[in-house]
PDB file of N, CA and C in Angstrom:
ATOM      1  N   MET A   1      -4.589 -40.241 -47.125  1.00  0.00           N
ATOM      2  CA  MET A   1      -3.743 -39.292 -46.753  1.00  0.00           C
ATOM      3  C   MET A   1      -2.944 -39.168 -45.323  1.00  0.00           C
ATOM      4  N   THR A   2      -1.842 -39.021 -45.350  1.00  0.00           N
ATOM      5  CA  THR A   2      -1.296 -39.090 -43.849  1.00  0.00           C
ATOM      6  C   THR A   2      -0.759 -37.356 -43.403  1.00  0.00           C
ATOM      7  N   ASP A   3      -1.024 -37.114 -42.383  1.00  0.00           N
ATOM      8  CA  ASP A   3      -0.502 -35.775 -42.038  1.00  0.00           C
ATOM      9  C   ASP A   3       0.452 -35.961 -41.092  1.00  0.00           C
ATOM     10  N   ILE A   4       1.563 -35.506 -40.976  1.00  0.00           N
ATOM     11  CA  ILE A   4       2.811 -35.490 -40.233  1.00  0.00           C
ATOM     12  C   ILE A   4       3.038 -34.172 -39.510  1.00  0.00           C
ATOM     13  N   ILE A   5       2.680 -33.859 -38.362  1.00  0.00           N
ATOM     14  CA  ILE A   5       2.709 -32.703 -37.634  1.00  0.00           C
ATOM     15  C   ILE A   5       4.020 -32.596 -36.412  1.00  0.00           C
ATOM     16  N   GLU A   6       4.529 -31.895 -36.455  1.00  0.00           N
ATOM     17  CA  GLU A   6       5.781 -31.481 -35.386  1.00  0.00           C
ATOM     18  C   GLU A   6       5.192 -31.280 -34.173  1.00  0.00           C
ATOM     19  N   CYS A   7       5.411 -31.427 -33.210  1.00  0.00           N
ATOM     20  CA  CYS A   7       4.980 -31.482 -31.880  1.00  0.00           C
ATOM     21  C   CYS A   7       6.168 -30.795 -30.957  1.00  0.00           C
ATOM     22  N   GLY A   8       6.036 -29.877 -30.092  1.00  0.00           N
ATOM     23  CA  GLY A   8       7.013 -29.601 -29.515  1.00  0.00           C
ATOM     24  C   GLY A   8       6.946 -28.020 -28.822  1.00  0.00           C
ATOM     25  N   ALA A   9       6.060 -27.106 -29.500  1.00  0.00           N
ATOM     26  CA  ALA A   9       5.795 -25.726 -29.138  1.00  0.00           C
ATOM     27  C   ALA A   9       5.919 -25.275 -27.702  1.00  0.00           C
ATOM     28  N   LYS A  10       6.422 -24.462 -27.366  1.00  0.00           N
ATOM     29  CA  LYS A  10       6.356 -24.200 -25.799  1.00  0.00           C
ATOM     30  C   LYS A  10       4.935 -24.197 -25.291  1.00  0.00           C
ATOM     31  N   GLY A  11       4.365 -24.580 -24.202  1.00  0.00           N
ATOM     32  CA  GLY A  11       3.461 -24.394 -23.632  1.00  0.00           C
ATOM     33  C   GLY A  11       2.521 -25.231 -24.208  1.00  0.00           C
ATOM     34  N   PHE A  12       1.177 -24.743 -24.260  1.00  0.00           N
ATOM     35  CA  PHE A  12      -0.023 -25.495 -24.984  1.00  0.00           C
ATOM     36  C   PHE A  12      -0.200 -25.098 -26.384  1.00  0.00           C
ATOM     37  N   LYS A  13      -0.408 -25.734 -27.033  1.00  0.00           N
ATOM     38  CA  LYS A  13      -0.584 -25.851 -28.368  1.00  0.00           C
ATOM     39  C   LYS A  13      -1.463 -26.618 -29.314  1.00  0.00           C
ATOM     40  N   SER A  14      -2.397 -26.171 -29.912  1.00  0.00           N
ATOM     41  CA  SER A  14      -3.433 -26.987 -30.668  1.00  0.00           C
ATOM     42  C   SER A  14      -2.399 -27.406 -31.860  1.00  0.00           C
ATOM     43  N   VAL A  15      -2.459 -28.829 -32.164  1.00  0.00           N
ATOM     44  CA  VAL A  15      -1.817 -29.032 -33.342  1.00  0.00           C
ATOM     45  C   VAL A  15      -2.404 -30.084 -34.367  1.00  0.00           C
ATOM     46  N   PHE A  16      -3.946 -30.259 -34.283  1.00  0.00           N
ATOM     47  CA  PHE A  16      -4.956 -31.047 -34.829  1.00  0.00           C
ATOM     48  C   PHE A  16      -6.188 -30.883 -34.595  1.00  0.00           C
ATOM     49  N   SER A  17      -7.064 -30.816 -35.521  1.00  0.00           N
ATOM     50  CA  SER A  17      -8.556 -30.725 -35.103  1.00  0.00           C
ATOM     51  C   SER A  17      -9.327 -31.394 -36.137  1.00  0.00           C
ATOM     52  N   SER A  18     -10.391 -31.836 -35.547  1.00  0.00           N
ATOM     53  CA  SER A  18     -11.395 -32.220 -36.693  1.00  0.00           C
ATOM     54  C   SER A  18     -12.541 -31.638 -36.475  1.00  0.00           C
ATOM     55  N   ASP A  19     -13.921 -31.768 -36.762  1.00  0.00           N
ATOM     56  CA  ASP A  19     -15.201 -31.253 -36.732  1.00  0.00           C
ATOM     57  C   ASP A  19     -15.532 -30.952 -35.292  1.00  0.00           C
ATOM     58  N   THR A  20     -15.267 -31.864 -34.306  1.00  0.00           N
ATOM     59  CA  THR A  20     -15.847 -31.968 -33.198  1.00  0.00           C
ATOM     60  C   THR A  20     -14.546 -32.157 -31.655  1.00  0.00           C
ATOM     61  N   TRP A  21     -13.550 -32.415 -32.159  1.00  0.00           N
ATOM     62  CA  TRP A  21     -12.124 -32.471 -31.526  1.00  0.00           C
ATOM     63  C   TRP A  21     -10.795 -32.012 -31.670  1.00  0.00           C
ATOM     64  N   GLN A  22     -10.142 -31.737 -30.802  1.00  0.00           N
ATOM     65  CA  GLN A  22      -8.462 -31.657 -31.272  1.00  0.00           C
ATOM     66  C   GLN A  22      -7.880 -32.124 -30.495  1.00  0.00           C
ATOM     67  N   ILE A  23      -6.651 -32.391 -30.980  1.00  0.00           N
ATOM     68  CA  ILE A  23      -5.172 -32.838 -30.337  1.00  0.00           C
ATOM     69  C   ILE A  23      -4.339 -31.541 -30.044  1.00  0.00           C
ATOM     70  N   ALA A  24      -3.752 -31.223 -28.695  1.00  0.00           N
ATOM     71  CA  ALA A  24      -2.890 -30.314 -28.718  1.00  0.00           C
ATOM     72  C   ALA A  24      -1.697 -30.910 -28.096  1.00  0.00           C
ATOM     73  N   THR A  25      -0.515 -30.332 -27.799  1.00  0.00           N
ATOM     74  CA  THR A  25       0.431 -30.580 -27.412  1.00  0.00           C
ATOM     75  C   THR A  25       0.672 -29.768 -26.117  1.00  0.00           C
ATOM     76  N   ILE A  26       1.422 -30.147 -24.776  1.00  0.00           N
ATOM     77  CA  ILE A  26       1.838 -29.201 -23.862  1.00  0.00           C
ATOM     78  C   ILE A  26       3.455 -29.662 -23.799  1.00  0.00           C
ATOM     79  N   THR A  27       4.276 -28.819 -23.242  1.00  0.00           N
ATOM     80  CA  THR A  27       5.390 -28.704 -23.186  1.00  0.00           C
ATOM     81  C   THR A  27       5.679 -27.654 -21.797  1.00  0.00           C
ATOM     82  N   TYR A  28       6.671 -27.598 -21.410  1.00  0.00           N
ATOM     83  CA  TYR A  28       7.236 -26.987 -20.259  1.00  0.00           C
ATOM     84  C   TYR A  28       7.174 -25.534 -20.497  1.00  0.00           C
ATOM     85  N   ASP A  29       6.362 -24.869 -19.824  1.00  0.00           N
ATOM     86  CA  ASP A  29       6.508 -23.424 -19.646  1.00  0.00           C
ATOM     87  C   ASP A  29       6.004 -23.021 -17.889  1.00  0.00           C
ATOM     88  N   THR A  30       6.272 -21.813 -17.748  1.00  0.00           N
ATOM     89  CA  THR A  30       5.897 -21.515 -16.132  1.00  0.00           C
ATOM     90  C   THR A  30       4.562 -21.735 -15.807  1.00  0.00           C
ATOM     91  N   ILE A  31       3.773 -21.644 -16.941  1.00  0.00           N
ATOM     92  CA  ILE A  31       2.341 -22.081 -16.082  1.00  0.00           C
ATOM     93  C   ILE A  31       2.126 -23.328 -15.601  1.00  0.00           C
ATOM     94  N   TYR A  32       3.293 -24.370 -16.265  1.00  0.00           N
ATOM     95  CA  TYR A  32       3.024 -25.864 -16.056  1.00  0.00           C
ATOM     96  C   TYR A  32       4.014 -26.046 -15.083  1.00  0.00           C
ATOM     97  N   SER A  33       4.645 -25.344 -14.260  1.00  0.00           N
ATOM     98  CA  SER A  33       5.722 -25.541 -13.485  1.00  0.00           C
ATOM     99  C   SER A  33       5.120 -25.376 -12.012  1.00  0.00           C
ATOM    100  N   PRO A  34       5.828 -26.411 -11.100  1.00  0.00           N
ATOM    101  CA  PRO A  34       5.499 -26.372  -9.716  1.00  0.00           C
ATOM    102  C   PRO A  34       5.246 -25.227  -9.232  1.00  0.00           C
ATOM    103  N   GLU A  35       6.239 -24.282  -9.476  1.00  0.00           N
ATOM    104  CA  GLU A  35       6.042 -22.892  -8.856  1.00  0.00           C
ATOM    105  C   GLU A  35       4.848 -22.084  -9.051  1.00  0.00           C
ATOM    106  N   GLY A  36       3.911 -22.723 -10.191  1.00  0.00           N
ATOM    107  CA  GLY A  36       2.869 -21.575 -10.410  1.00  0.00           C
ATOM    108  C   GLY A  36       1.952 -22.364 -10.100  1.00  0.00           C
ATOM    109  N   PHE A  37       2.059 -23.492  -9.434  1.00  0.00           N
ATOM    110  CA  PHE A  37       0.767 -24.191  -8.591  1.00  0.00           C
ATOM    111  C   PHE A  37      -0.011 -23.538  -7.585  1.00  0.00           C
ATOM    112  N   ASP A  38      -0.799 -22.776  -7.950  1.00  0.00           N
ATOM    113  CA  ASP A  38      -1.574 -21.630  -6.658  1.00  0.00           C
ATOM    114  C   ASP A  38      -2.859 -21.833  -7.149  1.00  0.00           C
ATOM    115  N   HIS A  39      -3.333 -22.196  -8.483  1.00  0.00           N
ATOM    116  CA  HIS A  39      -4.855 -22.170  -8.623  1.00  0.00           C
ATOM    117  C   HIS A  39      -4.935 -23.496  -9.215  1.00  0.00           C
ATOM    118  N   MET A  40      -6.204 -23.546  -9.778  1.00  0.00           N
ATOM    119  CA  MET A  40      -6.797 -24.916 -10.507  1.00  0.00           C
ATOM    120  C   MET A  40      -7.591 -24.471 -11.529  1.00  0.00           C
ATOM    121  N   LYS A  41      -8.172 -25.149 -12.680  1.00  0.00           N
ATOM    122  CA  LYS A  41      -8.973 -24.601 -13.400  1.00  0.00           C
ATOM    123  C   LYS A  41      -9.818 -25.848 -13.864  1.00  0.00           C
ATOM    124  N   ARG A  42     -10.910 -25.619 -14.491  1.00  0.00           N
ATOM    125  CA  ARG A  42     -12.059 -26.688 -15.097  1.00  0.00           C
ATOM    126  C   ARG A  42     -12.378 -26.354 -16.274  1.00  0.00           C
ATOM    127  N   HIS A  43     -13.028 -27.516 -17.113  1.00  0.00           N
ATOM    128  CA  HIS A  43     -13.642 -26.830 -18.318  1.00  0.00           C
ATOM    129  C   HIS A  43     -14.924 -27.486 -17.922  1.00  0.00           C
ATOM    130  N   LEU A  44     -16.244 -26.783 -18.342  1.00  0.00           N
ATOM    131  CA  LEU A  44     -17.413 -26.755 -18.034  1.00  0.00           C
ATOM    132  C   LEU A  44     -17.928 -27.620 -19.397  1.00  0.00           C
ATOM    133  N   GLY A  45     -17.125 -27.628 -20.520  1.00  0.00           N
ATOM    134  CA  GLY A  45     -17.790 -28.144 -21.627  1.00  0.00           C
ATOM    135  C   GLY A  45     -17.211 -29.592 -22.158  1.00  0.00           C
ATOM    136  N   THR A  46     -16.091 -29.770 -21.912  1.00  0.00           N
ATOM    137  CA  THR A  46     -15.235 -30.910 -22.235  1.00  0.00           C
ATOM    138  C   THR A  46     -14.561 -31.812 -21.410  1.00  0.00           C
ATOM    139  N   ASP A  47     -14.509 -33.073 -21.549  1.00  0.00           N
ATOM    140  CA  ASP A  47     -13.768 -33.861 -20.836  1.00  0.00           C
ATOM    141  C   ASP A  47     -12.035 -33.360 -21.647  1.00  0.00           C
ATOM    142  N   GLU A  48     -10.592 -33.716 -20.667  1.00  0.00           N
ATOM    143  CA  GLU A  48      -9.779 -33.654 -21.295  1.00  0.00           C
ATOM    144  C   GLU A  48      -8.722 -35.024 -20.929  1.00  0.00           C
ATOM    145  N   VAL A  49      -8.154 -35.422 -22.095  1.00  0.00           N
ATOM    146  CA  VAL A  49      -7.189 -36.540 -21.944  1.00  0.00           C
ATOM    147  C   VAL A  49      -5.644 -36.195 -22.159  1.00  0.00           C
ATOM    148  N   PHE A  50      -4.948 -36.611 -21.174  1.00  0.00           N
ATOM    149  CA  PHE A  50      -3.656 -36.206 -21.163  1.00  0.00           C
ATOM    150  C   PHE A  50      -2.871 -37.792 -21.519  1.00  0.00           C
ATOM    151  N   ILE A  51      -1.964 -37.559 -22.344  1.00  0.00           N
ATOM    152  CA  ILE A  51      -0.973 -38.595 -22.697  1.00  0.00           C
ATOM    153  C   ILE A  51       0.344 -38.221 -22.593  1.00  0.00           C
ATOM    154  N   LEU A  52       1.078 -38.791 -21.650  1.00  0.00           N
ATOM    155  CA  LEU A  52       2.520 -38.486 -21.673  1.00  0.00           C
ATOM    156  C   LEU A  52       3.490 -39.020 -22.434  1.00  0.00           C
ATOM    157  N   ILE A  53       4.401 -38.469 -23.268  1.00  0.00           N
ATOM    158  CA  ILE A  53       4.992 -39.122 -24.408  1.00  0.00           C
ATOM    159  C   ILE A  53       6.595 -38.606 -24.038  1.00  0.00           C
ATOM    160  N   ASN A  54       7.129 -37.720 -23.077  1.00  0.00           N
ATOM    161  CA  ASN A  54       8.197 -37.746 -22.372  1.00  0.00           C
ATOM    162  C   ASN A  54       8.430 -36.936 -21.321  1.00  0.00           C
ATOM    163  N   GLY A  55       9.427 -37.163 -20.624  1.00  0.00           N
ATOM    164  CA  GLY A  55       9.535 -36.576 -19.738  1.00  0.00           C
ATOM    165  C   GLY A  55       8.562 -36.860 -18.372  1.00  0.00           C
ATOM    166  N   GLU A  56       8.354 -36.111 -17.327  1.00  0.00           N
ATOM    167  CA  GLU A  56       7.678 -36.597 -16.413  1.00  0.00           C
ATOM    168  C   GLU A  56       6.254 -35.491 -16.254  1.00  0.00           C
ATOM    169  N   ALA A  57       5.440 -35.553 -15.493  1.00  0.00           N
ATOM    170  CA  ALA A  57       4.291 -34.647 -15.302  1.00  0.00           C
ATOM    171  C   ALA A  57       3.421 -35.254 -14.026  1.00  0.00           C
ATOM    172  N   VAL A  58       2.815 -34.492 -13.300  1.00  0.00           N
ATOM    173  CA  VAL A  58       1.970 -34.815 -12.275  1.00  0.00           C
ATOM    174  C   VAL A  58       0.801 -34.166 -12.568  1.00  0.00           C
ATOM    175  N   LEU A  59      -0.558 -34.751 -12.521  1.00  0.00           N
ATOM    176  CA  LEU A  59      -1.751 -34.218 -12.589  1.00  0.00           C
ATOM    177  C   LEU A  59      -2.371 -33.926 -11.289  1.00  0.00           C
ATOM    178  N   HIS A  60      -2.600 -32.874 -10.846  1.00  0.00           N
ATOM    179  CA  HIS A  60      -3.440 -32.571  -9.534  1.00  0.00           C
ATOM    180  C   HIS A  60      -4.790 -32.226  -9.636  1.00  0.00           C
ATOM    181  N   THR A  61      -5.677 -33.061  -8.761  1.00  0.00           N
ATOM    182  CA  THR A  61      -7.010 -32.582  -8.845  1.00  0.00           C
ATOM    183  C   THR A  61      -7.673 -32.355  -7.705  1.00  0.00           C
ATOM    184  N   VAL A  62      -8.444 -31.796  -7.541  1.00  0.00           N
ATOM    185  CA  VAL A  62      -9.661 -31.473  -6.324  1.00  0.00           C
ATOM    186  C   VAL A  62     -10.976 -31.739  -6.442  1.00  0.00           C
ATOM    187  N   GLU A  63     -11.549 -32.814  -5.489  1.00  0.00           N
ATOM    188  CA  GLU A  63     -12.747 -33.035  -5.408  1.00  0.00           C
ATOM    189  C   GLU A  63     -13.048 -32.988  -3.803  1.00  0.00           C
ATOM    190  N   GLY A  64     -14.309 -32.441  -3.795  1.00  0.00           N
ATOM    191  CA  GLY A  64     -14.578 -32.307  -2.212  1.00  0.00           C
ATOM    192  C   GLY A  64     -13.857 -31.701  -1.333  1.00  0.00           C
ATOM    193  N   GLY A  65     -13.225 -31.060  -1.703  1.00  0.00           N
ATOM    194  CA  GLY A  65     -12.385 -30.181  -1.167  1.00  0.00           C
ATOM    195  C   GLY A  65     -10.740 -31.043  -0.371  1.00  0.00           C
ATOM    196  N   VAL A  66     -10.511 -32.292  -1.411  1.00  0.00           N
ATOM    197  CA  VAL A  66      -9.445 -33.068  -1.101  1.00  0.00           C
ATOM    198  C   VAL A  66      -8.592 -32.828  -2.319  1.00  0.00           C
ATOM    199  N   LEU A  67      -7.497 -32.129  -2.006  1.00  0.00           N
ATOM    200  CA  LEU A  67      -6.324 -32.664  -3.041  1.00  0.00           C
ATOM    201  C   LEU A  67      -5.647 -34.027  -3.244  1.00  0.00           C
ATOM    202  N   GLU A  68      -5.791 -34.379  -4.728  1.00  0.00           N
ATOM    203  CA  GLU A  68      -5.062 -35.761  -4.824  1.00  0.00           C
ATOM    204  C   GLU A  68      -3.890 -35.143  -6.346  1.00  0.00           C
ATOM    205  N   SER A  69      -2.609 -36.011  -5.836  1.00  0.00           N
ATOM    206  CA  SER A  69      -1.896 -35.492  -7.134  1.00  0.00           C
ATOM    207  C   SER A  69      -1.277 -37.251  -7.462  1.00  0.00           C
ATOM    208  N   THR A  70      -1.521 -37.069  -8.890  1.00  0.00           N
ATOM    209  CA  THR A  70      -1.000 -38.163  -9.679  1.00  0.00           C
ATOM    210  C   THR A  70      -0.047 -38.241 -10.324  1.00  0.00           C
ATOM    211  N   ASN A  71       1.285 -38.986 -10.490  1.00  0.00           N
ATOM    212  CA  ASN A  71       2.060 -38.972 -11.347  1.00  0.00           C
ATOM    213  C   ASN A  71       1.636 -39.387 -12.565  1.00  0.00           C
ATOM    214  N   ILE A  72       1.703 -38.957 -13.515  1.00  0.00           N
ATOM    215  CA  ILE A  72       1.329 -39.404 -15.211  1.00  0.00           C
ATOM    216  C   ILE A  72       2.251 -40.393 -15.340  1.00  0.00           C
ATOM    217  N   GLU A  73       1.970 -41.622 -15.964  1.00  0.00           N
ATOM    218  CA  GLU A  73       2.475 -42.632 -16.441  1.00  0.00           C
ATOM    219  C   GLU A  73       2.589 -42.786 -18.035  1.00  0.00           C
ATOM    220  N   LYS A  74       3.938 -43.090 -18.567  1.00  0.00           N
ATOM    221  CA  LYS A  74       3.749 -43.368 -20.030  1.00  0.00           C
ATOM    222  C   LYS A  74       2.884 -44.511 -20.290  1.00  0.00           C
ATOM    223  N   GLY A  75       2.256 -44.521 -21.504  1.00  0.00           N
ATOM    224  CA  GLY A  75       1.272 -45.654 -21.930  1.00  0.00           C
ATOM    225  C   GLY A  75       0.133 -45.753 -21.173  1.00  0.00           C
ATOM    226  N   LYS A  76      -0.232 -44.681 -20.513  1.00  0.00           N
ATOM    227  CA  LYS A  76      -1.718 -44.661 -19.853  1.00  0.00           C
ATOM    228  C   LYS A  76      -2.457 -43.340 -20.198  1.00  0.00           C
ATOM    229  N   LEU A  77      -3.610 -43.621 -20.600  1.00  0.00           N
ATOM    230  CA  LEU A  77      -4.457 -42.294 -20.762  1.00  0.00           C
ATOM    231  C   LEU A  77      -4.849 -41.750 -19.454  1.00  0.00           C
ATOM    232  N   TYR A  78      -5.017 -40.542 -19.037  1.00  0.00           N
ATOM    233  CA  TYR A  78      -5.634 -39.810 -17.964  1.00  0.00           C
ATOM    234  C   TYR A  78      -6.839 -39.166 -18.276  1.00  0.00           C
ATOM    235  N   CYS A  79      -7.947 -39.052 -17.907  1.00  0.00           N
ATOM    236  CA  CYS A  79      -8.912 -38.478 -18.616  1.00  0.00           C
ATOM    237  C   CYS A  79      -9.688 -37.557 -17.152  1.00  0.00           C
ATOM    238  N   VAL A  80      -9.716 -36.302 -17.377  1.00  0.00           N
ATOM    239  CA  VAL A  80     -10.130 -35.639 -16.419  1.00  0.00           C
ATOM    240  C   VAL A  80     -11.410 -35.005 -16.856  1.00  0.00           C
ATOM    241  N   ARG A  81     -12.221 -35.530 -16.335  1.00  0.00           N
ATOM    242  CA  ARG A  81     -13.706 -35.241 -16.597  1.00  0.00           C
ATOM    243  C   ARG A  81     -14.204 -33.973 -16.747  1.00  0.00           C
ATOM    244  N   LYS A  82     -15.263 -33.351 -17.379  1.00  0.00           N
ATOM    245  CA  LYS A  82     -15.148 -31.791 -17.316  1.00  0.00           C
ATOM    246  C   LYS A  82     -15.938 -31.411 -15.997  1.00  0.00           C
ATOM    247  N   ASN A  83     -15.835 -30.202 -15.389  1.00  0.00           N
ATOM    248  CA  ASN A  83     -16.237 -29.691 -14.102  1.00  0.00           C
ATOM    249  C   ASN A  83     -15.017 -30.262 -12.860  1.00  0.00           C
ATOM    250  N   THR A  84     -14.124 -31.100 -13.710  1.00  0.00           N
ATOM    251  CA  THR A  84     -13.268 -31.551 -12.730  1.00  0.00           C
ATOM    252  C   THR A  84     -12.154 -30.499 -12.073  1.00  0.00           C
ATOM    253  N   TRP A  85     -11.904 -29.898 -11.279  1.00  0.00           N
ATOM    254  CA  TRP A  85     -10.713 -28.794 -10.801  1.00  0.00           C
ATOM    255  C   TRP A  85      -9.398 -29.910 -11.282  1.00  0.00           C
ATOM    256  N   HIS A  86      -8.368 -29.116 -11.991  1.00  0.00           N
ATOM    257  CA  HIS A  86      -7.213 -29.926 -12.194  1.00  0.00           C
ATOM    258  C   HIS A  86      -6.348 -28.712 -12.235  1.00  0.00           C
ATOM    259  N   TYR A  87      -4.849 -29.128 -12.259  1.00  0.00           N
ATOM    260  CA  TYR A  87      -3.776 -28.606 -12.675  1.00  0.00           C
ATOM    261  C   TYR A  87      -2.845 -29.437 -12.901  1.00  0.00           C
ATOM    262  N   LEU A  88      -1.944 -29.076 -13.994  1.00  0.00           N
ATOM    263  CA  LEU A  88      -0.617 -30.204 -14.487  1.00  0.00           C
ATOM    264  C   LEU A  88       0.546 -29.385 -14.439  1.00  0.00           C
ATOM    265  N   CYS A  89       1.606 -30.234 -13.739  1.00  0.00           N
ATOM    266  CA  CYS A  89       2.655 -29.678 -13.511  1.00  0.00           C
ATOM    267  C   CYS A  89       3.593 -30.621 -14.508  1.00  0.00           C
ATOM    268  N   VAL A  90       4.321 -30.073 -15.392  1.00  0.00           N
ATOM    269  CA  VAL A  90       5.471 -30.896 -16.039  1.00  0.00           C
ATOM    270  C   VAL A  90       7.101 -30.481 -15.968  1.00  0.00           C
ATOM    271  N   SER A  91       7.639 -31.599 -16.168  1.00  0.00           N
ATOM    272  CA  SER A  91       9.206 -31.597 -16.240  1.00  0.00           C
ATOM    273  C   SER A  91       9.347 -30.640 -17.401  1.00  0.00           C
ATOM    274  N   LYS A  92      11.129 -29.935 -17.261  1.00  0.00           N
ATOM    275  CA  LYS A  92      11.490 -29.138 -18.489  1.00  0.00           C
ATOM    276  C   LYS A  92      11.450 -30.072 -20.097  1.00  0.00           C
ATOM    277  N   ASP A  93      11.922 -31.303 -19.506  1.00  0.00           N
ATOM    278  CA  ASP A  93      11.529 -32.099 -20.969  1.00  0.00           C
ATOM    279  C   ASP A  93      10.381 -32.816 -21.250  1.00  0.00           C
ATOM    280  N   ALA A  94       9.176 -32.332 -20.860  1.00  0.00           N
ATOM    281  CA  ALA A  94       8.009 -33.161 -20.955  1.00  0.00           C
ATOM    282  C   ALA A  94       6.962 -32.885 -22.223  1.00  0.00           C
ATOM    283  N   LEU A  95       6.792 -33.968 -22.844  1.00  0.00           N
ATOM    284  CA  LEU A  95       5.740 -33.568 -23.933  1.00  0.00           C
ATOM    285  C   LEU A  95       4.632 -34.616 -23.784  1.00  0.00           C
ATOM    286  N   LEU A  96       3.542 -33.778 -23.821  1.00  0.00           N
ATOM    287  CA  LEU A  96       2.293 -34.670 -23.357  1.00  0.00           C
ATOM    288  C   LEU A  96       1.196 -33.933 -24.680  1.00  0.00           C
ATOM    289  N   ALA A  97       0.424 -35.116 -25.186  1.00  0.00           N
ATOM    290  CA  ALA A  97      -0.549 -35.225 -25.929  1.00  0.00           C
ATOM    291  C   ALA A  97      -1.985 -34.762 -25.309  1.00  0.00           C
ATOM    292  N   VAL A  98      -2.667 -33.914 -25.651  1.00  0.00           N
ATOM    293  CA  VAL A  98      -4.148 -33.485 -24.874  1.00  0.00           C
ATOM    294  C   VAL A  98      -5.364 -33.883 -26.286  1.00  0.00           C
ATOM    295  N   VAL A  99      -6.270 -34.321 -25.810  1.00  0.00           N
ATOM    296  CA  VAL A  99      -7.132 -34.562 -26.707  1.00  0.00           C
ATOM    297  C   VAL A  99      -8.311 -33.977 -25.729  1.00  0.00           C
ATOM    298  N   GLU A 100      -9.309 -32.954 -26.289  1.00  0.00           N
ATOM    299  CA  GLU A 100     -10.676 -32.335 -26.147  1.00  0.00           C
ATOM    300  C   GLU A 100     -11.386 -31.869 -27.139  1.00  0.00           C
ATOM    301  N   ASN A 101     -12.501 -31.242 -26.708  1.00  0.00           N
ATOM    302  CA  ASN A 101     -13.577 -30.823 -27.439  1.00  0.00           C
ATOM    303  C   ASN A 101     -12.715 -29.793 -28.477  1.00  0.00           C
ATOM    304  N   LYS A 102     -13.272 -29.381 -29.475  1.00  0.00           N
ATOM    305  CA  LYS A 102     -12.525 -28.271 -30.556  1.00  0.00           C
ATOM    306  C   LYS A 102     -13.275 -27.205 -30.113  1.00  0.00           C
ATOM    307  N   ASP A 103     -14.384 -26.927 -29.534  1.00  0.00           N
ATOM    308  CA  ASP A 103     -15.103 -25.690 -29.545  1.00  0.00           C
ATOM    309  C   ASP A 103     -14.872 -25.224 -28.140  1.00  0.00           C
ATOM    310  N   ILE A 104     -13.913 -25.557 -27.333  1.00  0.00           N
ATOM    311  CA  ILE A 104     -13.661 -25.294 -25.772  1.00  0.00           C
ATOM    312  C   ILE A 104     -13.320 -23.588 -26.099  1.00  0.00           C
ATOM    313  N   THR A 105     -13.781 -22.663 -25.275  1.00  0.00           N
ATOM    314  CA  THR A 105     -13.242 -21.445 -25.346  1.00  0.00           C
ATOM    315  C   THR A 105     -13.029 -20.991 -24.020  1.00  0.00           C
ATOM    316  N   PRO A 106     -12.203 -19.912 -24.025  1.00  0.00           N
ATOM    317  CA  PRO A 106     -11.982 -19.222 -22.516  1.00  0.00           C
ATOM    318  C   PRO A 106     -13.143 -19.161 -21.394  1.00  0.00           C
ATOM    319  N   ASP A 107     -14.308 -18.743 -22.056  1.00  0.00           N
ATOM    320  CA  ASP A 107     -15.554 -18.499 -20.903  1.00  0.00           C
ATOM    321  C   ASP A 107     -16.099 -19.964 -20.776  1.00  0.00           C
ATOM    322  N   GLN A 108     -15.605 -21.025 -20.937  1.00  0.00           N
ATOM    323  CA  GLN A 108     -16.043 -22.290 -20.523  1.00  0.00           C
ATOM    324  C   GLN A 108     -14.961 -23.179 -19.765  1.00  0.00           C
ATOM    325  N   THR A 109     -13.859 -22.037 -19.423  1.00  0.00           N
ATOM    326  CA  THR A 109     -12.777 -22.708 -18.290  1.00  0.00           C
ATOM    327  C   THR A 109     -13.143 -21.773 -17.249  1.00  0.00           C
ATOM    328  N   GLU A 110     -13.067 -22.405 -16.085  1.00  0.00           N
ATOM    329  CA  GLU A 110     -13.243 -21.440 -14.746  1.00  0.00           C
ATOM    330  C   GLU A 110     -11.868 -21.586 -14.067  1.00  0.00           C
ATOM    331  N   ARG A 111     -11.077 -20.529 -13.201  1.00  0.00           N
ATOM    332  CA  ARG A 111     -10.085 -20.731 -12.549  1.00  0.00           C
ATOM    333  C   ARG A 111     -10.292 -20.216 -11.257  1.00  0.00           C
ATOM    334  N   MET A 112      -9.736 -21.217 -10.319  1.00  0.00           N
ATOM    335  CA  MET A 112      -9.952 -20.784  -8.795  1.00  0.00           C
ATOM    336  C   MET A 112      -8.425 -20.762  -8.065  1.00  0.00           C
ATOM    337  N   GLU A 113      -8.524 -20.069  -7.344  1.00  0.00           N
ATOM    338  CA  GLU A 113      -7.361 -20.129  -6.498  1.00  0.00           C
ATOM    339  C   GLU A 113      -7.405 -21.403  -5.487  1.00  0.00           C
ATOM    340  N   LEU A 114      -6.213 -22.213  -5.248  1.00  0.00           N
ATOM    341  CA  LEU A 114      -6.223 -23.322  -4.997  1.00  0.00           C
ATOM    342  C   LEU A 114      -6.316 -23.576  -3.395  1.00  0.00           C
ATOM    343  N   GLU A 115      -6.098 -22.274  -2.442  1.00  0.00           N
ATOM    344  CA  GLU A 115      -6.651 -22.553  -1.225  1.00  0.00           C
ATOM    345  C   GLU A 115      -8.136 -22.447  -1.368  1.00  0.00           C
ATOM    346  N   CYS A 116      -8.932 -21.728  -2.291  1.00  0.00           N
ATOM    347  CA  CYS A 116     -10.283 -21.724  -1.780  1.00  0.00           C
ATOM    348  C   CYS A 116     -10.999 -23.261  -2.240  1.00  0.00           C
ATOM    349  N   LEU A 117     -10.526 -23.805  -2.639  1.00  0.00           N
ATOM    350  CA  LEU A 117     -10.634 -25.267  -2.965  1.00  0.00           C
ATOM    351  C   LEU A 117     -10.606 -26.245  -1.925  1.00  0.00           C
ATOM    352  N   LEU A 118     -10.038 -25.979  -1.494  1.00  0.00           N
ATOM    353  CA  LEU A 118      -9.186 -27.326  -0.508  1.00  0.00           C
ATOM    354  C   LEU A 118      -9.946 -26.958   0.930  1.00  0.00           C
ATOM    355  N   GLN A 119     -10.273 -28.016   1.720  1.00  0.00           N
ATOM    356  CA  GLN A 119     -11.203 -28.055   2.919  1.00  0.00           C
ATOM    357  C   GLN A 119     -10.528 -27.309   3.934  1.00  0.00           C
ATOM    358  N   LYS A 120     -11.070 -26.500   5.016  1.00  0.00           N
ATOM    359  CA  LYS A 120     -10.159 -26.216   5.787  1.00  0.00           C
ATOM    360  C   LYS A 120     -10.494 -26.827   7.329  1.00  0.00           C
TER     361      LYS A 120
END
């Protein structure tokens, strides 16, 4: 059997799941806009893979107090390892696929203001 799933709901939307993992989509929403980039988050229990399908996206990560910004390219997988601080900015025409553990819950995701994570 083949499932065909329509993608493109606004923001983050889980579209398929198996016993242990899920696929979601991300499209433009204000929480993914460059203007909203004042904080970062990290997942304590799952890696997270981003795959750009359409548009543009920038993946921001912080490690050791240093901010790194990576332009996401089509045809490549970007795996953010669990416990890595990150933030995603997307263009208004963006569509990304996201693969992560199915059992991720809000209490397994931490949020911190960007300025608190950067070296001074």
